[in-house]
Amino acid sequence: SVKGLDEVQAVAPYHSGRALLNVEARSHGAH
């Protein structure tokens, strides 16, 4: 429905969420 709109340059599906990344004793949150 949005692919043919004049204002739209590119369109694609996505699936996103927050997660915790761990490497040994180091960790950090990421989107």
PDB file of all heavy atoms in Angstrom:
ATOM      1  N   SER A   1       0.812  -1.222   0.000  1.00  0.00           N
ATOM      2  CA  SER A   1       0.000   0.000   0.000  1.00  0.00           C
ATOM      3  C   SER A   1       0.847   1.274   0.000  1.00  0.00           C
ATOM      4  O   SER A   1       0.383   2.319  -0.450  1.00  0.00           O
ATOM      5  CB  SER A   1      -0.938   0.005   1.209  1.00  0.00           C
ATOM      6  OG  SER A   1      -0.201   0.098   2.413  1.00  0.00           O
ATOM      7  N   VAL A   2       2.085   1.191   0.501  1.00  0.00           N
ATOM      8  CA  VAL A   2       2.922   2.400   0.583  1.00  0.00           C
ATOM      9  C   VAL A   2       4.045   2.414  -0.459  1.00  0.00           C
ATOM     10  O   VAL A   2       4.681   3.452  -0.664  1.00  0.00           O
ATOM     11  CB  VAL A   2       3.545   2.551   2.001  1.00  0.00           C
ATOM     12  CG1 VAL A   2       2.462   2.676   3.045  1.00  0.00           C
ATOM     13  CG2 VAL A   2       4.481   1.397   2.320  1.00  0.00           C
ATOM     14  N   LYS A   3       4.268   1.307  -1.107  1.00  0.00           N
ATOM     15  CA  LYS A   3       5.402   1.182  -2.024  1.00  0.00           C
ATOM     16  C   LYS A   3       5.313   2.142  -3.212  1.00  0.00           C
ATOM     17  O   LYS A   3       6.325   2.645  -3.689  1.00  0.00           O
ATOM     18  CB  LYS A   3       5.509  -0.259  -2.524  1.00  0.00           C
ATOM     19  CG  LYS A   3       6.923  -0.694  -2.842  1.00  0.00           C
ATOM     20  CD  LYS A   3       7.003  -2.203  -3.017  1.00  0.00           C
ATOM     21  CE  LYS A   3       8.450  -2.647  -3.145  1.00  0.00           C
ATOM     22  NZ  LYS A   3       8.551  -4.132  -3.280  1.00  0.00           N
ATOM     23  N   GLY A   4       4.114   2.427  -3.680  1.00  0.00           N
ATOM     24  CA  GLY A   4       3.966   3.265  -4.859  1.00  0.00           C
ATOM     25  C   GLY A   4       3.809   4.745  -4.578  1.00  0.00           C
ATOM     26  O   GLY A   4       3.634   5.538  -5.516  1.00  0.00           O
ATOM     27  N   LEU A   5       3.881   5.144  -3.319  1.00  0.00           N
ATOM     28  CA  LEU A   5       3.723   6.558  -2.982  1.00  0.00           C
ATOM     29  C   LEU A   5       4.912   7.370  -3.472  1.00  0.00           C
ATOM     30  O   LEU A   5       6.075   6.922  -3.379  1.00  0.00           O
ATOM     31  CB  LEU A   5       3.556   6.724  -1.467  1.00  0.00           C
ATOM     32  CG  LEU A   5       2.320   6.057  -0.836  1.00  0.00           C
ATOM     33  CD1 LEU A   5       2.314   6.258   0.669  1.00  0.00           C
ATOM     34  CD2 LEU A   5       1.040   6.616  -1.459  1.00  0.00           C
ATOM     35  N   ASP A   6       4.651   8.580  -3.968  1.00  0.00           N
ATOM     36  CA  ASP A   6       5.711   9.424  -4.530  1.00  0.00           C
ATOM     37  C   ASP A   6       6.752   9.814  -3.483  1.00  0.00           C
ATOM     38  O   ASP A   6       7.920  10.025  -3.818  1.00  0.00           O
ATOM     39  CB  ASP A   6       5.098  10.701  -5.134  1.00  0.00           C
ATOM     40  CG  ASP A   6       4.216  10.401  -6.337  1.00  0.00           C
ATOM     41  OD1 ASP A   6       4.413   9.329  -6.949  1.00  0.00           O
ATOM     42  OD2 ASP A   6       3.331  11.226  -6.654  1.00  0.00           O
ATOM     43  N   GLU A   7       6.339   9.931  -2.228  1.00  0.00           N
ATOM     44  CA  GLU A   7       7.254  10.385  -1.181  1.00  0.00           C
ATOM     45  C   GLU A   7       8.206   9.291  -0.704  1.00  0.00           C
ATOM     46  O   GLU A   7       9.216   9.571  -0.058  1.00  0.00           O
ATOM     47  CB  GLU A   7       6.454  10.894   0.037  1.00  0.00           C
ATOM     48  CG  GLU A   7       5.579  12.099  -0.240  1.00  0.00           C
ATOM     49  CD  GLU A   7       4.234  11.703  -0.831  1.00  0.00           C
ATOM     50  OE1 GLU A   7       3.986  10.489  -0.984  1.00  0.00           O
ATOM     51  OE2 GLU A   7       3.435  12.608  -1.131  1.00  0.00           O
ATOM     52  N   VAL A   8       7.886   8.041  -1.022  1.00  0.00           N
ATOM     53  CA  VAL A   8       8.634   6.906  -0.487  1.00  0.00           C
ATOM     54  C   VAL A   8       9.787   6.524  -1.418  1.00  0.00           C
ATOM     55  O   VAL A   8       9.572   6.220  -2.591  1.00  0.00           O
ATOM     56  CB  VAL A   8       7.703   5.697  -0.266  1.00  0.00           C
ATOM     57  CG1 VAL A   8       8.506   4.484   0.197  1.00  0.00           C
ATOM     58  CG2 VAL A   8       6.621   6.043   0.750  1.00  0.00           C
ATOM     59  N   GLN A   9      10.990   6.531  -0.866  1.00  0.00           N
ATOM     60  CA  GLN A   9      12.174   6.155  -1.639  1.00  0.00           C
ATOM     61  C   GLN A   9      12.442   4.652  -1.558  1.00  0.00           C
ATOM     62  O   GLN A   9      12.810   4.026  -2.547  1.00  0.00           O
ATOM     63  CB  GLN A   9      13.400   6.924  -1.122  1.00  0.00           C
ATOM     64  CG  GLN A   9      14.674   6.625  -1.887  1.00  0.00           C
ATOM     65  CD  GLN A   9      15.841   7.444  -1.373  1.00  0.00           C
ATOM     66  OE1 GLN A   9      15.701   8.249  -0.449  1.00  0.00           O
ATOM     67  NE2 GLN A   9      17.005   7.256  -1.964  1.00  0.00           N
ATOM     68  N   ALA A  10      12.280   4.091  -0.365  1.00  0.00           N
ATOM     69  CA  ALA A  10      12.515   2.654  -0.187  1.00  0.00           C
ATOM     70  C   ALA A  10      11.646   2.154   0.963  1.00  0.00           C
ATOM     71  O   ALA A  10      11.324   2.895   1.891  1.00  0.00           O
ATOM     72  CB  ALA A  10      13.981   2.383   0.107  1.00  0.00           C
ATOM     73  N   VAL A  11      11.279   0.861   0.892  1.00  0.00           N
ATOM     74  CA  VAL A  11      10.428   0.259   1.907  1.00  0.00           C
ATOM     75  C   VAL A  11      10.889  -1.173   2.144  1.00  0.00           C
ATOM     76  O   VAL A  11      11.332  -1.861   1.213  1.00  0.00           O
ATOM     77  CB  VAL A  11       8.943   0.304   1.488  1.00  0.00           C
ATOM     78  CG1 VAL A  11       8.749  -0.367   0.130  1.00  0.00           C
ATOM     79  CG2 VAL A  11       8.052  -0.330   2.533  1.00  0.00           C
ATOM     80  N   ALA A  12      10.804  -1.627   3.408  1.00  0.00           N
ATOM     81  CA  ALA A  12      11.239  -2.985   3.731  1.00  0.00           C
ATOM     82  C   ALA A  12      10.614  -3.414   5.053  1.00  0.00           C
ATOM     83  O   ALA A  12      10.288  -2.578   5.900  1.00  0.00           O
ATOM     84  CB  ALA A  12      12.767  -3.056   3.822  1.00  0.00           C
ATOM     85  N   PRO A  13      10.439  -4.726   5.249  1.00  0.00           N
ATOM     86  CA  PRO A  13       9.926  -5.217   6.534  1.00  0.00           C
ATOM     87  C   PRO A  13      11.019  -5.149   7.604  1.00  0.00           C
ATOM     88  O   PRO A  13      12.212  -5.117   7.289  1.00  0.00           O
ATOM     89  CB  PRO A  13       9.548  -6.664   6.227  1.00  0.00           C
ATOM     90  CG  PRO A  13      10.478  -7.057   5.125  1.00  0.00           C
ATOM     91  CD  PRO A  13      10.675  -5.814   4.293  1.00  0.00           C
ATOM     92  N   TYR A  14      10.610  -5.144   8.867  1.00  0.00           N
ATOM     93  CA  TYR A  14      11.590  -5.164   9.958  1.00  0.00           C
ATOM     94  C   TYR A  14      11.008  -5.906  11.159  1.00  0.00           C
ATOM     95  O   TYR A  14       9.800  -6.058  11.314  1.00  0.00           O
ATOM     96  CB  TYR A  14      11.995  -3.748  10.369  1.00  0.00           C
ATOM     97  CG  TYR A  14      10.981  -3.045  11.244  1.00  0.00           C
ATOM     98  CD1 TYR A  14      11.071  -3.084  12.636  1.00  0.00           C
ATOM     99  CD2 TYR A  14       9.911  -2.343  10.685  1.00  0.00           C
ATOM    100  CE1 TYR A  14      10.134  -2.449  13.432  1.00  0.00           C
ATOM    101  CE2 TYR A  14       8.973  -1.717  11.482  1.00  0.00           C
ATOM    102  CZ  TYR A  14       9.088  -1.765  12.858  1.00  0.00           C
ATOM    103  OH  TYR A  14       8.150  -1.142  13.644  1.00  0.00           O
ATOM    104  N   HIS A  15      11.893  -6.380  12.009  1.00  0.00           N
ATOM    105  CA  HIS A  15      11.536  -6.993  13.287  1.00  0.00           C
ATOM    106  C   HIS A  15      12.617  -6.559  14.269  1.00  0.00           C
ATOM    107  O   HIS A  15      13.788  -6.880  14.088  1.00  0.00           O
ATOM    108  CB  HIS A  15      11.491  -8.517  13.162  1.00  0.00           C
ATOM    109  CG  HIS A  15      10.881  -9.194  14.359  1.00  0.00           C
ATOM    110  ND1 HIS A  15      10.581 -10.542  14.376  1.00  0.00           N
ATOM    111  CD2 HIS A  15      10.520  -8.720  15.589  1.00  0.00           C
ATOM    112  CE1 HIS A  15      10.055 -10.859  15.542  1.00  0.00           C
ATOM    113  NE2 HIS A  15      10.019  -9.764  16.299  1.00  0.00           N
ATOM    114  N   SER A  16      12.251  -5.802  15.295  1.00  0.00           N
ATOM    115  CA  SER A  16      13.247  -5.241  16.200  1.00  0.00           C
ATOM    116  C   SER A  16      12.879  -5.455  17.656  1.00  0.00           C
ATOM    117  O   SER A  16      11.711  -5.692  17.999  1.00  0.00           O
ATOM    118  CB  SER A  16      13.425  -3.743  15.936  1.00  0.00           C
ATOM    119  OG  SER A  16      12.248  -3.032  16.278  1.00  0.00           O
ATOM    120  N   GLY A  17      13.881  -5.379  18.516  1.00  0.00           N
ATOM    121  CA  GLY A  17      13.656  -5.533  19.947  1.00  0.00           C
ATOM    122  C   GLY A  17      14.923  -5.251  20.722  1.00  0.00           C
ATOM    123  O   GLY A  17      16.016  -5.132  20.151  1.00  0.00           O
ATOM    124  N   ARG A  18      14.771  -5.120  22.026  1.00  0.00           N
ATOM    125  CA  ARG A  18      15.909  -4.903  22.912  1.00  0.00           C
ATOM    126  C   ARG A  18      16.491  -6.241  23.337  1.00  0.00           C
ATOM    127  O   ARG A  18      15.783  -7.248  23.449  1.00  0.00           O
ATOM    128  CB  ARG A  18      15.481  -4.121  24.152  1.00  0.00           C
ATOM    129  CG  ARG A  18      14.916  -2.746  23.874  1.00  0.00           C
ATOM    130  CD  ARG A  18      15.984  -1.769  23.443  1.00  0.00           C
ATOM    131  NE  ARG A  18      17.037  -1.639  24.427  1.00  0.00           N
ATOM    132  CZ  ARG A  18      18.110  -0.880  24.274  1.00  0.00           C
ATOM    133  NH1 ARG A  18      18.286  -0.201  23.141  1.00  0.00           N
ATOM    134  NH2 ARG A  18      19.036  -0.802  25.201  1.00  0.00           N
ATOM    135  N   ALA A  19      17.793  -6.242  23.582  1.00  0.00           N
ATOM    136  CA  ALA A  19      18.460  -7.463  24.029  1.00  0.00           C
ATOM    137  C   ALA A  19      19.713  -7.098  24.819  1.00  0.00           C
ATOM    138  O   ALA A  19      20.200  -5.971  24.761  1.00  0.00           O
ATOM    139  CB  ALA A  19      18.827  -8.340  22.833  1.00  0.00           C
ATOM    140  N   LEU A  20      20.205  -8.079  25.569  1.00  0.00           N
ATOM    141  CA  LEU A  20      21.445  -7.920  26.317  1.00  0.00           C
ATOM    142  C   LEU A  20      22.525  -8.732  25.622  1.00  0.00           C
ATOM    143  O   LEU A  20      22.349  -9.929  25.380  1.00  0.00           O
ATOM    144  CB  LEU A  20      21.265  -8.394  27.756  1.00  0.00           C
ATOM    145  CG  LEU A  20      22.477  -8.219  28.682  1.00  0.00           C
ATOM    146  CD1 LEU A  20      22.753  -6.731  28.924  1.00  0.00           C
ATOM    147  CD2 LEU A  20      22.244  -8.934  30.012  1.00  0.00           C
ATOM    148  N   LEU A  21      23.648  -8.090  25.307  1.00  0.00           N
ATOM    149  CA  LEU A  21      24.765  -8.760  24.646  1.00  0.00           C
ATOM    150  C   LEU A  21      25.844  -9.072  25.677  1.00  0.00           C
ATOM    151  O   LEU A  21      26.283  -8.182  26.412  1.00  0.00           O
ATOM    152  CB  LEU A  21      25.342  -7.883  23.532  1.00  0.00           C
ATOM    153  CG  LEU A  21      24.631  -7.930  22.161  1.00  0.00           C
ATOM    154  CD1 LEU A  21      23.152  -7.591  22.289  1.00  0.00           C
ATOM    155  CD2 LEU A  21      25.303  -6.986  21.171  1.00  0.00           C
ATOM    156  N   ASN A  22      26.262 -10.333  25.724  1.00  0.00           N
ATOM    157  CA  ASN A  22      27.259 -10.784  26.700  1.00  0.00           C
ATOM    158  C   ASN A  22      28.471 -11.382  26.007  1.00  0.00           C
ATOM    159  O   ASN A  22      28.333 -12.148  25.053  1.00  0.00           O
ATOM    160  CB  ASN A  22      26.665 -11.845  27.643  1.00  0.00           C
ATOM    161  CG  ASN A  22      25.530 -11.303  28.485  1.00  0.00           C
ATOM    162  OD1 ASN A  22      25.556 -10.152  28.915  1.00  0.00           O
ATOM    163  ND2 ASN A  22      24.533 -12.135  28.719  1.00  0.00           N
ATOM    164  N   VAL A  23      29.639 -11.018  26.507  1.00  0.00           N
ATOM    165  CA  VAL A  23      30.895 -11.647  26.095  1.00  0.00           C
ATOM    166  C   VAL A  23      31.728 -11.817  27.357  1.00  0.00           C
ATOM    167  O   VAL A  23      32.269 -10.844  27.895  1.00  0.00           O
ATOM    168  CB  VAL A  23      31.664 -10.807  25.059  1.00  0.00           C
ATOM    169  CG1 VAL A  23      32.978 -11.493  24.695  1.00  0.00           C
ATOM    170  CG2 VAL A  23      30.828 -10.589  23.813  1.00  0.00           C
ATOM    171  N   GLU A  24      31.787 -13.052  27.845  1.00  0.00           N
ATOM    172  CA  GLU A  24      32.474 -13.350  29.103  1.00  0.00           C
ATOM    173  C   GLU A  24      31.893 -12.462  30.215  1.00  0.00           C
ATOM    174  O   GLU A  24      30.707 -12.508  30.484  1.00  0.00           O
ATOM    175  CB  GLU A  24      33.986 -13.168  28.925  1.00  0.00           C
ATOM    176  CG  GLU A  24      34.576 -14.138  27.904  1.00  0.00           C
ATOM    177  CD  GLU A  24      36.056 -13.941  27.697  1.00  0.00           C
ATOM    178  OE1 GLU A  24      36.614 -12.956  28.213  1.00  0.00           O
ATOM    179  OE2 GLU A  24      36.661 -14.784  27.003  1.00  0.00           O
ATOM    180  N   ALA A  25      32.721 -11.631  30.852  1.00  0.00           N
ATOM    181  CA  ALA A  25      32.240 -10.808  31.965  1.00  0.00           C
ATOM    182  C   ALA A  25      31.708  -9.460  31.510  1.00  0.00           C
ATOM    183  O   ALA A  25      31.244  -8.662  32.323  1.00  0.00           O
ATOM    184  CB  ALA A  25      33.360 -10.606  32.991  1.00  0.00           C
ATOM    185  N   ARG A  26      31.764  -9.182  30.192  1.00  0.00           N
ATOM    186  CA  ARG A  26      31.319  -7.890  29.673  1.00  0.00           C
ATOM    187  C   ARG A  26      29.915  -8.024  29.088  1.00  0.00           C
ATOM    188  O   ARG A  26      29.605  -9.010  28.429  1.00  0.00           O
ATOM    189  CB  ARG A  26      32.294  -7.378  28.607  1.00  0.00           C
ATOM    190  CG  ARG A  26      33.698  -7.120  29.130  1.00  0.00           C
ATOM    191  CD  ARG A  26      34.628  -6.662  28.007  1.00  0.00           C
ATOM    192  NE  ARG A  26      34.862  -7.709  27.034  1.00  0.00           N
ATOM    193  CZ  ARG A  26      35.812  -8.621  27.140  1.00  0.00           C
ATOM    194  NH1 ARG A  26      36.608  -8.633  28.187  1.00  0.00           N
ATOM    195  NH2 ARG A  26      35.974  -9.533  26.202  1.00  0.00           N
ATOM    196  N   SER A  27      29.095  -6.991  29.310  1.00  0.00           N
ATOM    197  CA  SER A  27      27.736  -7.009  28.774  1.00  0.00           C
ATOM    198  C   SER A  27      27.269  -5.589  28.496  1.00  0.00           C
ATOM    199  O   SER A  27      27.757  -4.628  29.119  1.00  0.00           O
ATOM    200  CB  SER A  27      26.773  -7.702  29.748  1.00  0.00           C
ATOM    201  OG  SER A  27      26.707  -6.992  30.971  1.00  0.00           O
ATOM    202  N   HIS A  28      26.335  -5.465  27.576  1.00  0.00           N
ATOM    203  CA  HIS A  28      25.776  -4.158  27.245  1.00  0.00           C
ATOM    204  C   HIS A  28      24.453  -4.361  26.512  1.00  0.00           C
ATOM    205  O   HIS A  28      24.309  -5.278  25.705  1.00  0.00           O
ATOM    206  CB  HIS A  28      26.738  -3.361  26.357  1.00  0.00           C
ATOM    207  CG  HIS A  28      26.458  -1.893  26.344  1.00  0.00           C
ATOM    208  ND1 HIS A  28      25.497  -1.328  25.542  1.00  0.00           N
ATOM    209  CD2 HIS A  28      26.988  -0.862  27.053  1.00  0.00           C
ATOM    210  CE1 HIS A  28      25.464  -0.014  25.745  1.00  0.00           C
ATOM    211  NE2 HIS A  28      26.349   0.281  26.661  1.00  0.00           N
ATOM    212  N   GLY A  29      23.475  -3.490  26.787  1.00  0.00           N
ATOM    213  CA  GLY A  29      22.200  -3.554  26.104  1.00  0.00           C
ATOM    214  C   GLY A  29      22.297  -2.989  24.703  1.00  0.00           C
ATOM    215  O   GLY A  29      23.147  -2.151  24.413  1.00  0.00           O
ATOM    216  N   ALA A  30      21.418  -3.459  23.821  1.00  0.00           N
ATOM    217  CA  ALA A  30      21.424  -2.980  22.432  1.00  0.00           C
ATOM    218  C   ALA A  30      20.025  -3.101  21.841  1.00  0.00           C
ATOM    219  O   ALA A  30      19.214  -3.928  22.270  1.00  0.00           O
ATOM    220  CB  ALA A  30      22.415  -3.771  21.587  1.00  0.00           C
ATOM    221  N   HIS A  31      19.775  -2.251  20.863  1.00  0.00           N
ATOM    222  CA  HIS A  31      18.545  -2.341  20.084  1.00  0.00           C
ATOM    223  C   HIS A  31      18.884  -3.069  18.786  1.00  0.00           C
ATOM    224  O   HIS A  31      19.672  -2.586  17.978  1.00  0.00           O
ATOM    225  CB  HIS A  31      17.993  -0.951  19.776  1.00  0.00           C
ATOM    226  CG  HIS A  31      16.722  -0.976  18.996  1.00  0.00           C
ATOM    227  ND1 HIS A  31      16.683  -0.825  17.631  1.00  0.00           N
ATOM    228  CD2 HIS A  31      15.430  -1.161  19.388  1.00  0.00           C
ATOM    229  CE1 HIS A  31      15.439  -0.895  17.216  1.00  0.00           C
ATOM    230  NE2 HIS A  31      14.655  -1.098  18.252  1.00  0.00           N
TER     231      HIS A  31
END
